[in-house]
Amino acid sequence: MTHSKTACSLGDTPLIAYTKYMKHPIGTTLNGTPVYVDLINSAASANISQQPHLVTLIKELLESTNVSGTAPTVEYNFGRNIGNTDIVQTTEKDTIIYAKRLKQETFTRFVRRRVPAPTTYITISLSKDGDGEYALANAWIGRLIPPFPADQENEAQQSEAYWAQHALVLEGQPIQLRTVTQVYPY
């Protein structure tokens, strides 16, 4: 655990305020670069807390993959079923709603009464820090997907077309209930 320490006092009692982040080592890439995850503040931490076996899968991926660049994203096929993806292709028969996930500012397209689909893929997103190590920014079971159409900072050319035909399975997803709508929000 890494701490940033700030000293102050309350009367005669010194107080130390800590800004904490949990720098948890995950593994090393095939080309020798260490990879860690911030278990408190990263997007990856939420997915790891829901699916702890992600850490084992990520370690296996890293050991067999050369990684370079400042913010690489890696899609990896294990060639065996490693879990279920919450992103499924939708049809006209599906019930679609839109809502904001917890701690998210953009709307997500959800499908009701569907089950996650088995997959052999995992995707990770890394960010190189000032020490030359990679921080795991995000990780999920499933294929590399375009960002949501409302994510103007990261939106890709294919975002709208992809998300018109795909959605996250609603059941089990933490959402902001007051944002639920059937009206297309993009």
N, C-alpha and C. Protein backbone atom coordinates (compact mmCIF):
# COMPACT_ATOMS: atom_id res chain seq x y z
N MET A 1 0.85 -1.16 0.00
CA MET A 1 0.00 0.00 0.00
C MET A 1 0.90 1.23 0.00
N THR A 2 0.55 2.20 -0.81
CA THR A 2 1.32 3.44 -0.88
C THR A 2 0.54 4.55 -0.23
N HIS A 3 1.24 5.38 0.54
CA HIS A 3 0.60 6.48 1.24
C HIS A 3 1.25 7.79 0.84
N SER A 4 0.46 8.82 0.75
CA SER A 4 0.96 10.18 0.62
C SER A 4 0.66 10.83 1.95
N LYS A 5 1.68 11.30 2.69
CA LYS A 5 1.50 11.75 4.05
C LYS A 5 1.48 13.27 4.13
N THR A 6 0.51 13.80 4.88
CA THR A 6 0.42 15.22 5.15
C THR A 6 0.31 15.39 6.66
N ALA A 7 1.20 16.18 7.26
CA ALA A 7 1.17 16.37 8.71
C ALA A 7 0.42 17.65 9.05
N CYS A 8 -0.37 17.60 10.10
CA CYS A 8 -1.05 18.76 10.63
C CYS A 8 -1.28 18.50 12.12
N SER A 9 -1.84 19.45 12.84
CA SER A 9 -2.05 19.20 14.26
C SER A 9 -3.41 19.72 14.70
N LEU A 10 -3.88 19.12 15.76
CA LEU A 10 -5.12 19.52 16.40
C LEU A 10 -4.75 19.75 17.86
N GLY A 11 -4.50 21.01 18.21
CA GLY A 11 -4.00 21.32 19.55
C GLY A 11 -2.60 20.77 19.69
N ASP A 12 -2.38 19.93 20.71
CA ASP A 12 -1.08 19.32 20.93
C ASP A 12 -0.93 17.97 20.24
N THR A 13 -2.00 17.49 19.60
CA THR A 13 -1.98 16.16 19.00
C THR A 13 -1.69 16.25 17.50
N PRO A 14 -0.56 15.70 17.06
CA PRO A 14 -0.29 15.71 15.62
C PRO A 14 -1.20 14.72 14.90
N LEU A 15 -1.70 15.12 13.76
CA LEU A 15 -2.54 14.25 12.94
C LEU A 15 -1.83 14.00 11.62
N ILE A 16 -2.00 12.83 11.10
CA ILE A 16 -1.43 12.51 9.80
C ILE A 16 -2.58 12.10 8.90
N ALA A 17 -2.78 12.84 7.82
CA ALA A 17 -3.82 12.52 6.85
C ALA A 17 -3.18 11.72 5.74
N TYR A 18 -3.80 10.62 5.38
CA TYR A 18 -3.26 9.77 4.32
C TYR A 18 -4.18 9.82 3.10
N THR A 19 -3.58 9.96 1.95
CA THR A 19 -4.27 9.72 0.70
C THR A 19 -3.84 8.33 0.29
N LYS A 20 -4.77 7.39 0.31
CA LYS A 20 -4.40 5.99 0.09
C LYS A 20 -4.75 5.53 -1.31
N TYR A 21 -3.92 4.69 -1.82
CA TYR A 21 -4.28 3.87 -2.95
C TYR A 21 -3.56 2.55 -2.78
N MET A 22 -4.19 1.52 -3.21
CA MET A 22 -3.66 0.18 -3.05
C MET A 22 -3.01 -0.24 -4.34
N LYS A 23 -1.68 -0.26 -4.36
CA LYS A 23 -0.92 -0.65 -5.54
C LYS A 23 -0.62 -2.14 -5.41
N HIS A 24 -1.52 -2.95 -5.96
CA HIS A 24 -1.44 -4.40 -5.83
C HIS A 24 -0.78 -4.99 -7.08
N PRO A 25 0.40 -5.63 -6.94
CA PRO A 25 1.05 -6.22 -8.11
C PRO A 25 0.23 -7.38 -8.67
N ILE A 26 0.12 -7.42 -9.99
CA ILE A 26 -0.61 -8.50 -10.64
C ILE A 26 0.33 -9.45 -11.34
N GLY A 27 1.33 -8.92 -12.00
CA GLY A 27 2.26 -9.78 -12.73
C GLY A 27 3.23 -8.95 -13.55
N THR A 28 3.89 -9.63 -14.48
CA THR A 28 4.89 -9.00 -15.34
C THR A 28 4.61 -9.43 -16.77
N THR A 29 4.72 -8.49 -17.70
CA THR A 29 4.51 -8.81 -19.11
C THR A 29 5.63 -9.69 -19.62
N LEU A 30 5.43 -10.31 -20.76
CA LEU A 30 6.45 -11.17 -21.37
C LEU A 30 7.75 -10.40 -21.58
N ASN A 31 7.65 -9.10 -21.86
CA ASN A 31 8.87 -8.30 -22.06
C ASN A 31 9.35 -7.63 -20.78
N GLY A 32 8.89 -8.11 -19.59
CA GLY A 32 9.47 -7.73 -18.32
C GLY A 32 8.94 -6.50 -17.61
N THR A 33 7.84 -5.92 -18.06
CA THR A 33 7.29 -4.73 -17.42
C THR A 33 6.31 -5.13 -16.32
N PRO A 34 6.52 -4.65 -15.08
CA PRO A 34 5.59 -4.96 -13.99
C PRO A 34 4.22 -4.31 -14.22
N VAL A 35 3.18 -5.00 -13.78
CA VAL A 35 1.80 -4.50 -13.89
C VAL A 35 1.16 -4.60 -12.52
N TYR A 36 0.46 -3.52 -12.13
CA TYR A 36 -0.25 -3.49 -10.85
C TYR A 36 -1.64 -2.92 -11.07
N VAL A 37 -2.48 -3.06 -10.06
CA VAL A 37 -3.82 -2.47 -10.10
C VAL A 37 -4.04 -1.67 -8.82
N ASP A 38 -4.65 -0.52 -8.95
CA ASP A 38 -5.08 0.28 -7.80
C ASP A 38 -6.43 -0.28 -7.38
N LEU A 39 -6.44 -1.02 -6.27
CA LEU A 39 -7.66 -1.71 -5.82
C LEU A 39 -8.70 -0.78 -5.20
N ILE A 40 -8.38 0.50 -5.08
CA ILE A 40 -9.34 1.43 -4.50
C ILE A 40 -9.96 2.34 -5.57
N ASN A 41 -9.15 2.88 -6.45
CA ASN A 41 -9.64 3.94 -7.34
C ASN A 41 -9.82 3.57 -8.80
N SER A 42 -9.36 2.43 -9.25
CA SER A 42 -9.42 2.12 -10.69
C SER A 42 -10.76 1.51 -11.08
N ALA A 43 -11.08 1.65 -12.37
CA ALA A 43 -12.28 0.99 -12.91
C ALA A 43 -12.13 -0.53 -12.82
N ALA A 44 -10.91 -1.00 -12.95
CA ALA A 44 -10.65 -2.45 -12.88
C ALA A 44 -11.02 -3.01 -11.51
N SER A 45 -10.89 -2.20 -10.46
CA SER A 45 -11.16 -2.70 -9.11
C SER A 45 -12.60 -3.17 -8.96
N ALA A 46 -13.55 -2.48 -9.58
CA ALA A 46 -14.96 -2.89 -9.48
C ALA A 46 -15.17 -4.24 -10.15
N ASN A 47 -14.57 -4.44 -11.31
CA ASN A 47 -14.72 -5.72 -12.01
C ASN A 47 -14.02 -6.86 -11.26
N ILE A 48 -12.86 -6.57 -10.69
CA ILE A 48 -12.13 -7.58 -9.92
C ILE A 48 -12.90 -7.96 -8.66
N SER A 49 -13.54 -6.99 -8.02
CA SER A 49 -14.30 -7.32 -6.81
C SER A 49 -15.51 -8.20 -7.13
N GLN A 50 -16.08 -8.05 -8.32
CA GLN A 50 -17.22 -8.89 -8.72
C GLN A 50 -16.77 -10.23 -9.28
N GLN A 51 -15.56 -10.28 -9.86
CA GLN A 51 -15.04 -11.50 -10.46
C GLN A 51 -13.56 -11.66 -10.10
N PRO A 52 -13.26 -12.09 -8.87
CA PRO A 52 -11.88 -12.17 -8.40
C PRO A 52 -10.96 -13.03 -9.26
N HIS A 53 -11.50 -14.02 -9.97
CA HIS A 53 -10.65 -14.86 -10.83
C HIS A 53 -10.04 -14.09 -11.99
N LEU A 54 -10.49 -12.85 -12.22
CA LEU A 54 -9.87 -12.00 -13.25
C LEU A 54 -8.38 -11.84 -13.01
N VAL A 55 -7.97 -11.75 -11.75
CA VAL A 55 -6.55 -11.56 -11.43
C VAL A 55 -5.71 -12.71 -11.98
N THR A 56 -6.17 -13.93 -11.81
CA THR A 56 -5.45 -15.11 -12.32
C THR A 56 -5.40 -15.09 -13.84
N LEU A 57 -6.52 -14.74 -14.47
CA LEU A 57 -6.56 -14.67 -15.93
C LEU A 57 -5.64 -13.58 -16.47
N ILE A 58 -5.64 -12.42 -15.81
CA ILE A 58 -4.80 -11.31 -16.24
C ILE A 58 -3.33 -11.69 -16.12
N LYS A 59 -2.97 -12.33 -15.03
CA LYS A 59 -1.58 -12.77 -14.84
C LYS A 59 -1.16 -13.72 -15.96
N GLU A 60 -2.02 -14.66 -16.31
CA GLU A 60 -1.73 -15.61 -17.39
C GLU A 60 -1.58 -14.87 -18.73
N LEU A 61 -2.44 -13.91 -18.99
CA LEU A 61 -2.36 -13.11 -20.21
C LEU A 61 -1.04 -12.35 -20.27
N LEU A 62 -0.69 -11.67 -19.18
CA LEU A 62 0.53 -10.85 -19.14
C LEU A 62 1.78 -11.67 -19.39
N GLU A 63 1.86 -12.85 -18.79
CA GLU A 63 3.05 -13.71 -18.91
C GLU A 63 3.31 -14.15 -20.35
N SER A 64 2.29 -14.10 -21.20
CA SER A 64 2.47 -14.56 -22.58
C SER A 64 2.33 -13.43 -23.61
N THR A 65 2.34 -12.17 -23.15
CA THR A 65 2.10 -11.05 -24.06
C THR A 65 3.16 -9.96 -23.92
N ASN A 66 3.75 -9.55 -25.05
CA ASN A 66 4.60 -8.37 -25.08
C ASN A 66 3.70 -7.15 -25.13
N VAL A 67 3.96 -6.19 -24.26
CA VAL A 67 3.14 -4.98 -24.20
C VAL A 67 4.04 -3.77 -24.37
N SER A 68 3.58 -2.81 -25.18
CA SER A 68 4.34 -1.57 -25.36
C SER A 68 3.36 -0.41 -25.53
N GLY A 69 3.89 0.80 -25.42
CA GLY A 69 3.06 1.99 -25.57
C GLY A 69 2.68 2.57 -24.23
N THR A 70 2.04 3.74 -24.27
CA THR A 70 1.68 4.42 -23.02
C THR A 70 0.30 4.02 -22.50
N ALA A 71 -0.61 3.61 -23.39
CA ALA A 71 -1.96 3.22 -22.95
C ALA A 71 -2.49 2.08 -23.82
N PRO A 72 -1.84 0.92 -23.78
CA PRO A 72 -2.28 -0.19 -24.63
C PRO A 72 -3.55 -0.87 -24.11
N THR A 73 -4.33 -1.38 -25.04
CA THR A 73 -5.48 -2.22 -24.73
C THR A 73 -5.23 -3.56 -25.41
N VAL A 74 -5.43 -4.64 -24.66
CA VAL A 74 -5.13 -5.98 -25.17
C VAL A 74 -6.38 -6.84 -25.09
N GLU A 75 -6.77 -7.41 -26.23
CA GLU A 75 -7.83 -8.42 -26.27
C GLU A 75 -7.12 -9.76 -26.42
N TYR A 76 -7.48 -10.73 -25.58
CA TYR A 76 -6.75 -12.00 -25.57
C TYR A 76 -7.73 -13.16 -25.60
N ASN A 77 -7.48 -14.12 -26.49
CA ASN A 77 -8.31 -15.31 -26.62
C ASN A 77 -7.61 -16.48 -25.92
N PHE A 78 -8.21 -16.97 -24.85
CA PHE A 78 -7.64 -18.09 -24.11
C PHE A 78 -7.84 -19.44 -24.80
N GLY A 79 -8.77 -19.49 -25.76
CA GLY A 79 -9.03 -20.75 -26.45
C GLY A 79 -9.83 -21.74 -25.61
N ARG A 80 -10.32 -21.28 -24.49
CA ARG A 80 -11.18 -22.10 -23.62
C ARG A 80 -12.18 -21.16 -22.95
N ASN A 81 -13.27 -21.69 -22.50
CA ASN A 81 -14.27 -20.86 -21.83
C ASN A 81 -13.69 -20.34 -20.52
N ILE A 82 -13.69 -19.03 -20.34
CA ILE A 82 -13.13 -18.44 -19.11
C ILE A 82 -14.20 -17.73 -18.27
N GLY A 83 -15.42 -17.71 -18.75
CA GLY A 83 -16.49 -17.04 -18.03
C GLY A 83 -17.55 -16.54 -18.98
N ASN A 84 -18.34 -15.62 -18.48
CA ASN A 84 -19.45 -15.08 -19.27
C ASN A 84 -19.29 -13.59 -19.47
N THR A 85 -19.65 -13.13 -20.66
CA THR A 85 -19.65 -11.71 -20.94
C THR A 85 -21.06 -11.16 -20.76
N ASP A 86 -21.15 -9.97 -20.18
CA ASP A 86 -22.45 -9.32 -19.96
C ASP A 86 -22.94 -8.59 -21.20
N ILE A 87 -22.13 -8.53 -22.24
CA ILE A 87 -22.52 -7.82 -23.45
C ILE A 87 -23.02 -8.84 -24.47
N VAL A 88 -24.27 -8.66 -24.89
CA VAL A 88 -24.89 -9.61 -25.81
C VAL A 88 -25.47 -8.86 -27.01
N GLN A 89 -25.60 -9.58 -28.12
CA GLN A 89 -26.25 -9.01 -29.30
C GLN A 89 -27.75 -9.00 -29.05
N THR A 90 -28.42 -7.95 -29.50
CA THR A 90 -29.86 -7.80 -29.26
C THR A 90 -30.64 -7.90 -30.56
N THR A 91 -31.95 -8.16 -30.41
CA THR A 91 -32.86 -8.21 -31.56
C THR A 91 -34.05 -7.31 -31.26
N GLU A 92 -34.94 -7.19 -32.23
CA GLU A 92 -36.14 -6.38 -32.06
C GLU A 92 -37.05 -6.94 -30.97
N LYS A 93 -36.94 -8.20 -30.65
CA LYS A 93 -37.79 -8.85 -29.65
C LYS A 93 -37.35 -8.53 -28.22
N ASP A 94 -36.14 -8.00 -28.04
CA ASP A 94 -35.61 -7.72 -26.71
C ASP A 94 -36.22 -6.45 -26.12
N THR A 95 -36.30 -6.43 -24.78
CA THR A 95 -36.73 -5.24 -24.05
C THR A 95 -35.49 -4.45 -23.67
N ILE A 96 -35.37 -3.25 -24.23
CA ILE A 96 -34.19 -2.41 -24.04
C ILE A 96 -34.53 -1.24 -23.12
N ILE A 97 -33.63 -0.95 -22.18
CA ILE A 97 -33.74 0.26 -21.36
C ILE A 97 -32.36 0.92 -21.34
N TYR A 98 -32.34 2.17 -20.91
CA TYR A 98 -31.10 2.92 -20.77
C TYR A 98 -31.02 3.40 -19.33
N ALA A 99 -29.82 3.40 -18.78
CA ALA A 99 -29.61 3.88 -17.41
C ALA A 99 -28.13 4.18 -17.23
N LYS A 100 -27.83 4.93 -16.19
CA LYS A 100 -26.44 5.19 -15.84
C LYS A 100 -26.02 4.16 -14.80
N ARG A 101 -24.86 3.53 -15.03
CA ARG A 101 -24.32 2.62 -14.03
C ARG A 101 -23.82 3.43 -12.85
N LEU A 102 -23.68 2.79 -11.70
CA LEU A 102 -23.17 3.49 -10.53
C LEU A 102 -21.81 4.09 -10.83
N LYS A 103 -21.59 5.30 -10.37
CA LYS A 103 -20.34 6.04 -10.54
C LYS A 103 -20.02 6.33 -12.01
N GLN A 104 -21.01 6.32 -12.88
CA GLN A 104 -20.82 6.63 -14.30
C GLN A 104 -21.67 7.83 -14.67
N GLU A 105 -21.20 8.61 -15.63
CA GLU A 105 -21.92 9.80 -16.07
C GLU A 105 -22.65 9.59 -17.39
N THR A 106 -22.32 8.52 -18.10
CA THR A 106 -22.94 8.29 -19.40
C THR A 106 -23.97 7.17 -19.30
N PHE A 107 -24.95 7.22 -20.21
CA PHE A 107 -25.98 6.20 -20.24
C PHE A 107 -25.44 4.93 -20.89
N THR A 108 -25.95 3.80 -20.43
CA THR A 108 -25.61 2.49 -20.96
C THR A 108 -26.87 1.84 -21.49
N ARG A 109 -26.75 1.12 -22.57
CA ARG A 109 -27.88 0.38 -23.14
C ARG A 109 -27.93 -0.99 -22.46
N PHE A 110 -29.10 -1.32 -21.87
CA PHE A 110 -29.29 -2.59 -21.18
C PHE A 110 -30.38 -3.40 -21.84
N VAL A 111 -30.30 -4.72 -21.73
CA VAL A 111 -31.33 -5.62 -22.20
C VAL A 111 -31.86 -6.39 -20.99
N ARG A 112 -33.17 -6.50 -20.92
CA ARG A 112 -33.80 -7.21 -19.79
C ARG A 112 -34.06 -8.67 -20.15
N ARG A 113 -34.09 -9.50 -19.12
CA ARG A 113 -34.42 -10.92 -19.22
C ARG A 113 -33.56 -11.69 -20.23
N ARG A 114 -32.27 -11.43 -20.19
CA ARG A 114 -31.30 -12.17 -20.99
C ARG A 114 -30.22 -12.67 -20.04
N VAL A 115 -29.47 -13.65 -20.47
CA VAL A 115 -28.38 -14.17 -19.65
C VAL A 115 -27.05 -13.88 -20.33
N PRO A 116 -25.99 -13.71 -19.53
CA PRO A 116 -24.65 -13.50 -20.12
C PRO A 116 -24.25 -14.68 -21.01
N ALA A 117 -23.39 -14.40 -21.97
CA ALA A 117 -22.97 -15.41 -22.94
C ALA A 117 -21.56 -15.91 -22.62
N PRO A 118 -21.31 -17.22 -22.76
CA PRO A 118 -19.96 -17.76 -22.54
C PRO A 118 -18.97 -17.14 -23.52
N THR A 119 -17.72 -16.96 -23.08
CA THR A 119 -16.70 -16.39 -23.94
C THR A 119 -15.33 -16.97 -23.61
N THR A 120 -14.44 -16.87 -24.59
CA THR A 120 -13.05 -17.28 -24.42
C THR A 120 -12.13 -16.07 -24.32
N TYR A 121 -12.70 -14.87 -24.36
CA TYR A 121 -11.91 -13.63 -24.44
C TYR A 121 -11.88 -12.84 -23.13
N ILE A 122 -10.77 -12.13 -22.94
CA ILE A 122 -10.63 -11.14 -21.88
C ILE A 122 -10.00 -9.91 -22.52
N THR A 123 -10.35 -8.74 -22.02
CA THR A 123 -9.77 -7.49 -22.51
C THR A 123 -9.24 -6.72 -21.32
N ILE A 124 -8.02 -6.18 -21.47
CA ILE A 124 -7.44 -5.34 -20.43
C ILE A 124 -6.99 -4.01 -21.04
N SER A 125 -7.05 -2.99 -20.23
CA SER A 125 -6.60 -1.66 -20.62
C SER A 125 -5.54 -1.22 -19.62
N LEU A 126 -4.37 -0.84 -20.11
CA LEU A 126 -3.25 -0.47 -19.26
C LEU A 126 -2.87 0.99 -19.46
N SER A 127 -2.17 1.54 -18.47
CA SER A 127 -1.66 2.91 -18.56
C SER A 127 -0.28 2.94 -17.92
N LYS A 128 0.71 3.43 -18.67
CA LYS A 128 2.08 3.46 -18.17
C LYS A 128 2.23 4.61 -17.18
N ASP A 129 2.81 4.32 -16.00
CA ASP A 129 3.00 5.36 -14.99
C ASP A 129 4.39 5.99 -15.11
N GLY A 130 4.69 6.93 -14.24
CA GLY A 130 5.96 7.64 -14.27
C GLY A 130 7.17 6.78 -13.96
N ASP A 131 6.96 5.61 -13.36
CA ASP A 131 8.06 4.70 -13.03
C ASP A 131 8.32 3.67 -14.13
N GLY A 132 7.55 3.75 -15.23
CA GLY A 132 7.72 2.80 -16.32
C GLY A 132 6.96 1.50 -16.12
N GLU A 133 6.12 1.44 -15.09
CA GLU A 133 5.27 0.27 -14.86
C GLU A 133 3.89 0.53 -15.45
N TYR A 134 3.13 -0.55 -15.63
CA TYR A 134 1.76 -0.40 -16.12
C TYR A 134 0.77 -0.52 -14.98
N ALA A 135 -0.18 0.42 -14.96
CA ALA A 135 -1.33 0.33 -14.06
C ALA A 135 -2.47 -0.29 -14.86
N LEU A 136 -3.14 -1.25 -14.27
CA LEU A 136 -4.31 -1.85 -14.91
C LEU A 136 -5.46 -0.87 -14.76
N ALA A 137 -5.88 -0.25 -15.85
CA ALA A 137 -6.95 0.74 -15.80
C ALA A 137 -8.32 0.06 -15.77
N ASN A 138 -8.47 -0.99 -16.59
CA ASN A 138 -9.74 -1.71 -16.63
C ASN A 138 -9.49 -3.12 -17.15
N ALA A 139 -10.40 -4.02 -16.83
CA ALA A 139 -10.34 -5.40 -17.29
C ALA A 139 -11.74 -5.98 -17.27
N TRP A 140 -12.07 -6.75 -18.28
CA TRP A 140 -13.37 -7.39 -18.29
C TRP A 140 -13.30 -8.67 -19.10
N ILE A 141 -14.24 -9.56 -18.80
CA ILE A 141 -14.36 -10.80 -19.56
C ILE A 141 -15.19 -10.47 -20.79
N GLY A 142 -14.60 -10.70 -21.95
CA GLY A 142 -15.28 -10.41 -23.21
C GLY A 142 -14.37 -9.71 -24.19
N ARG A 143 -14.92 -9.43 -25.36
CA ARG A 143 -14.18 -8.82 -26.46
C ARG A 143 -13.98 -7.33 -26.24
N LEU A 144 -13.02 -6.77 -26.99
CA LEU A 144 -12.81 -5.33 -27.03
C LEU A 144 -14.01 -4.71 -27.72
N ILE A 145 -14.59 -3.71 -27.09
CA ILE A 145 -15.81 -3.09 -27.62
C ILE A 145 -15.61 -1.58 -27.74
N PRO A 146 -16.37 -0.94 -28.63
CA PRO A 146 -16.27 0.52 -28.71
C PRO A 146 -16.92 1.16 -27.49
N PRO A 147 -16.48 2.36 -27.12
CA PRO A 147 -17.10 3.07 -26.00
C PRO A 147 -18.57 3.39 -26.29
N PHE A 148 -19.30 3.76 -25.26
CA PHE A 148 -20.70 4.13 -25.44
C PHE A 148 -20.80 5.42 -26.25
N PRO A 149 -21.86 5.59 -27.04
CA PRO A 149 -21.98 6.79 -27.87
C PRO A 149 -21.92 8.10 -27.09
N ALA A 150 -22.38 8.13 -25.88
CA ALA A 150 -22.38 9.38 -25.11
C ALA A 150 -21.03 9.71 -24.49
N ASP A 151 -20.08 8.78 -24.59
CA ASP A 151 -18.74 9.00 -24.04
C ASP A 151 -17.92 9.79 -25.05
N GLN A 152 -18.15 11.10 -25.09
CA GLN A 152 -17.56 11.96 -26.12
C GLN A 152 -16.04 11.99 -26.06
N GLU A 153 -15.47 11.74 -24.90
CA GLU A 153 -14.03 11.75 -24.75
C GLU A 153 -13.38 10.56 -25.47
N ASN A 154 -14.08 9.43 -25.48
CA ASN A 154 -13.51 8.20 -26.04
C ASN A 154 -14.31 7.61 -27.19
N GLU A 155 -15.42 8.22 -27.56
CA GLU A 155 -16.31 7.64 -28.57
C GLU A 155 -15.57 7.33 -29.86
N ALA A 156 -15.82 6.15 -30.38
CA ALA A 156 -15.20 5.72 -31.63
C ALA A 156 -16.22 5.85 -32.76
N GLN A 157 -15.72 5.79 -33.97
CA GLN A 157 -16.57 5.93 -35.14
C GLN A 157 -17.67 4.86 -35.16
N GLN A 158 -17.37 3.67 -34.71
CA GLN A 158 -18.32 2.56 -34.76
C GLN A 158 -19.19 2.45 -33.50
N SER A 159 -19.05 3.36 -32.53
CA SER A 159 -19.78 3.27 -31.26
C SER A 159 -21.29 3.17 -31.43
N GLU A 160 -21.86 4.10 -32.17
CA GLU A 160 -23.32 4.13 -32.29
C GLU A 160 -23.86 2.88 -32.98
N ALA A 161 -23.23 2.46 -34.07
CA ALA A 161 -23.68 1.27 -34.79
C ALA A 161 -23.56 0.02 -33.92
N TYR A 162 -22.45 -0.11 -33.20
CA TYR A 162 -22.26 -1.28 -32.34
C TYR A 162 -23.32 -1.33 -31.23
N TRP A 163 -23.50 -0.21 -30.52
CA TRP A 163 -24.41 -0.20 -29.38
C TRP A 163 -25.88 -0.18 -29.78
N ALA A 164 -26.17 0.00 -31.06
CA ALA A 164 -27.55 -0.15 -31.54
C ALA A 164 -27.93 -1.63 -31.63
N GLN A 165 -26.92 -2.50 -31.67
CA GLN A 165 -27.16 -3.94 -31.83
C GLN A 165 -26.69 -4.77 -30.63
N HIS A 166 -26.11 -4.12 -29.60
CA HIS A 166 -25.61 -4.83 -28.42
C HIS A 166 -26.06 -4.10 -27.16
N ALA A 167 -26.05 -4.82 -26.05
CA ALA A 167 -26.42 -4.22 -24.77
C ALA A 167 -25.83 -5.04 -23.64
N LEU A 168 -25.76 -4.43 -22.46
CA LEU A 168 -25.36 -5.16 -21.26
C LEU A 168 -26.59 -5.85 -20.68
N VAL A 169 -26.40 -7.06 -20.19
CA VAL A 169 -27.48 -7.78 -19.51
C VAL A 169 -27.78 -7.01 -18.22
N LEU A 170 -29.02 -6.60 -18.03
CA LEU A 170 -29.40 -5.74 -16.90
C LEU A 170 -29.27 -6.44 -15.56
N GLU A 171 -29.74 -7.67 -15.49
CA GLU A 171 -29.77 -8.38 -14.21
C GLU A 171 -28.37 -8.46 -13.60
N GLY A 172 -28.25 -8.00 -12.35
CA GLY A 172 -26.99 -8.04 -11.63
C GLY A 172 -26.13 -6.80 -11.79
N GLN A 173 -26.55 -5.85 -12.61
CA GLN A 173 -25.77 -4.64 -12.84
C GLN A 173 -26.17 -3.55 -11.84
N PRO A 174 -25.22 -2.93 -11.17
CA PRO A 174 -25.56 -1.81 -10.27
C PRO A 174 -25.82 -0.55 -11.11
N ILE A 175 -27.05 -0.02 -11.01
CA ILE A 175 -27.42 1.16 -11.79
C ILE A 175 -27.98 2.25 -10.88
N GLN A 176 -28.00 3.47 -11.41
CA GLN A 176 -28.64 4.59 -10.73
C GLN A 176 -30.13 4.54 -11.11
N LEU A 177 -30.98 4.10 -10.18
CA LEU A 177 -32.39 3.84 -10.49
C LEU A 177 -33.12 5.05 -11.04
N ARG A 178 -32.77 6.24 -10.62
CA ARG A 178 -33.47 7.45 -11.08
C ARG A 178 -33.15 7.81 -12.52
N THR A 179 -32.20 7.12 -13.13
CA THR A 179 -31.83 7.44 -14.51
C THR A 179 -32.45 6.48 -15.53
N VAL A 180 -33.19 5.48 -15.09
CA VAL A 180 -33.76 4.47 -15.99
C VAL A 180 -34.77 5.11 -16.94
N THR A 181 -34.61 4.82 -18.22
CA THR A 181 -35.52 5.34 -19.24
C THR A 181 -35.58 4.38 -20.41
N GLN A 182 -36.68 4.44 -21.17
CA GLN A 182 -36.76 3.68 -22.41
C GLN A 182 -36.51 4.58 -23.62
N VAL A 183 -36.28 5.85 -23.36
CA VAL A 183 -36.02 6.83 -24.42
C VAL A 183 -34.53 6.81 -24.75
N TYR A 184 -34.23 6.75 -26.03
CA TYR A 184 -32.86 6.73 -26.52
C TYR A 184 -32.16 8.02 -26.10
N PRO A 185 -31.12 7.96 -25.24
CA PRO A 185 -30.53 9.18 -24.67
C PRO A 185 -29.33 9.76 -25.43
N TYR A 186 -28.90 9.13 -26.51
CA TYR A 186 -27.68 9.58 -27.18
C TYR A 186 -27.98 10.64 -28.22
